[in-house]
Amino acid sequence: METAVLWIYIVFLLIGGVIGWLLGKSKVSFFFSWAFGIALILCARQVFDFDNSLWLIGILSVVFLMRVLRTHKFMPAGLMLAVTLATLVLLIIF
C-alpha cells in the first residue's frame, strides 16, 4: 500500500513540474520536481531505503509551505502542500 501511495505522489510531483514549466516558464520548478521525483523513484524501487522517502517528502512540504507563505496563493504551491502532507500522513499510517 505504501509503495502505491508513493508512486501516485511521484506522478503528481512530476506532472506538477511539467505544468509549472509549460504554463509558468519555471525551469526551477521543473528541475526540482524531477530531481525529487527521481530520488523518490529510487526509494520506491528500494534502491534507497524507503524511510528516505519520508525525509524527502518532509523537505518538500517545508518548501511548498514557504512558497505558500511567500505568495499567499493556493495554486500551485498550496495544492502541492496539501497533496504532500496527505501523502506523508498516509505513508506514516501505512
Protein backbone atom coordinates (compact mmCIF):
# COMPACT_ATOMS: atom_id res chain seq x y z
CA MET A 1 0.00 0.00 0.00
CA GLU A 2 2.73 2.47 0.91
CA THR A 3 4.51 1.92 -2.40
CA ALA A 4 1.29 2.65 -4.32
CA VAL A 5 0.80 5.88 -2.37
CA LEU A 6 4.38 6.89 -3.13
CA TRP A 7 4.00 6.15 -6.86
CA ILE A 8 0.83 8.24 -7.04
CA TYR A 9 2.63 11.11 -5.34
CA ILE A 10 5.57 10.79 -7.72
CA VAL A 11 3.21 11.13 -10.68
CA PHE A 12 1.62 14.26 -9.15
CA LEU A 13 5.05 15.74 -8.48
CA LEU A 14 6.38 15.12 -11.99
CA ILE A 15 3.22 16.35 -13.70
CA GLY A 16 3.27 19.45 -11.49
CA GLY A 17 6.83 20.20 -12.55
CA VAL A 18 5.97 19.86 -16.22
CA ILE A 19 2.87 22.06 -15.86
CA GLY A 20 4.92 24.65 -13.96
CA TRP A 21 7.43 24.69 -16.76
CA LEU A 22 4.87 24.86 -19.57
CA LEU A 23 2.48 27.39 -18.04
CA GLY A 24 4.72 29.40 -15.74
CA LYS A 25 8.02 29.03 -17.63
CA SER A 26 9.54 27.91 -14.32
CA LYS A 27 12.69 25.94 -15.03
CA VAL A 28 13.43 25.73 -11.30
CA SER A 29 10.07 24.07 -10.64
CA PHE A 30 10.70 21.62 -13.47
CA PHE A 31 14.21 20.63 -12.39
CA PHE A 32 13.43 20.36 -8.68
CA SER A 33 10.30 18.30 -9.24
CA TRP A 34 12.25 15.91 -11.45
CA ALA A 35 15.20 15.76 -9.04
CA PHE A 36 12.93 14.90 -6.12
CA GLY A 37 10.85 12.65 -8.36
CA ILE A 38 13.88 10.61 -9.39
CA ALA A 39 15.03 10.35 -5.77
CA LEU A 40 11.56 9.17 -4.74
CA ILE A 41 11.51 6.66 -7.60
CA LEU A 42 14.75 5.23 -6.26
CA CYS A 43 13.12 4.95 -2.83
CA ALA A 44 10.03 3.28 -4.30
CA ARG A 45 12.22 0.82 -6.22
CA GLN A 46 14.11 0.20 -2.95
CA VAL A 47 17.44 1.34 -4.34
CA PHE A 48 17.46 3.72 -1.38
CA ASP A 49 15.93 2.92 1.98
CA PHE A 50 12.17 3.53 1.87
CA ASP A 51 12.41 5.69 5.02
CA ASN A 52 14.38 8.23 2.98
CA SER A 53 11.17 8.97 1.09
CA LEU A 54 9.67 10.32 4.31
CA TRP A 55 12.57 12.74 4.67
CA LEU A 56 12.30 13.85 1.05
CA ILE A 57 8.56 14.39 1.31
CA GLY A 58 9.07 16.26 4.59
CA ILE A 59 11.55 18.59 2.88
CA LEU A 60 9.10 19.13 0.03
CA SER A 61 6.32 20.01 2.49
CA VAL A 62 8.53 22.72 4.00
CA VAL A 63 9.40 24.07 0.53
CA PHE A 64 5.74 24.19 -0.51
CA LEU A 65 4.77 25.82 2.81
CA MET A 66 7.40 28.52 2.30
CA ARG A 67 6.10 29.16 -1.22
CA VAL A 68 2.50 29.46 0.03
CA LEU A 69 3.53 31.86 2.78
CA ARG A 70 5.55 33.94 0.33
CA THR A 71 2.95 34.16 -2.45
CA HIS A 72 -0.29 33.90 -0.43
CA LYS A 73 -1.77 31.87 -3.31
CA PHE A 74 -3.26 28.41 -3.11
CA MET A 75 -2.32 27.43 -6.64
CA PRO A 76 0.02 25.71 -7.26
CA ALA A 77 2.06 25.56 -4.06
CA GLY A 78 -0.94 25.23 -1.74
CA LEU A 79 -2.35 22.34 -3.71
CA MET A 80 1.00 20.58 -3.73
CA LEU A 81 1.36 21.26 0.01
CA ALA A 82 -1.99 19.58 0.65
CA VAL A 83 -1.10 16.59 -1.55
CA THR A 84 2.35 16.35 0.05
CA LEU A 85 1.01 16.41 3.60
CA ALA A 86 -1.68 13.86 2.74
CA THR A 87 0.99 11.60 1.24
CA LEU A 88 3.19 11.99 4.30
CA VAL A 89 0.32 11.10 6.63
CA LEU A 90 -0.64 8.08 4.54
CA LEU A 91 2.96 6.84 4.41
CA ILE A 92 3.29 7.18 8.19
CA ILE A 93 -0.02 5.41 8.85
CA PHE A 94 0.62 2.53 6.47
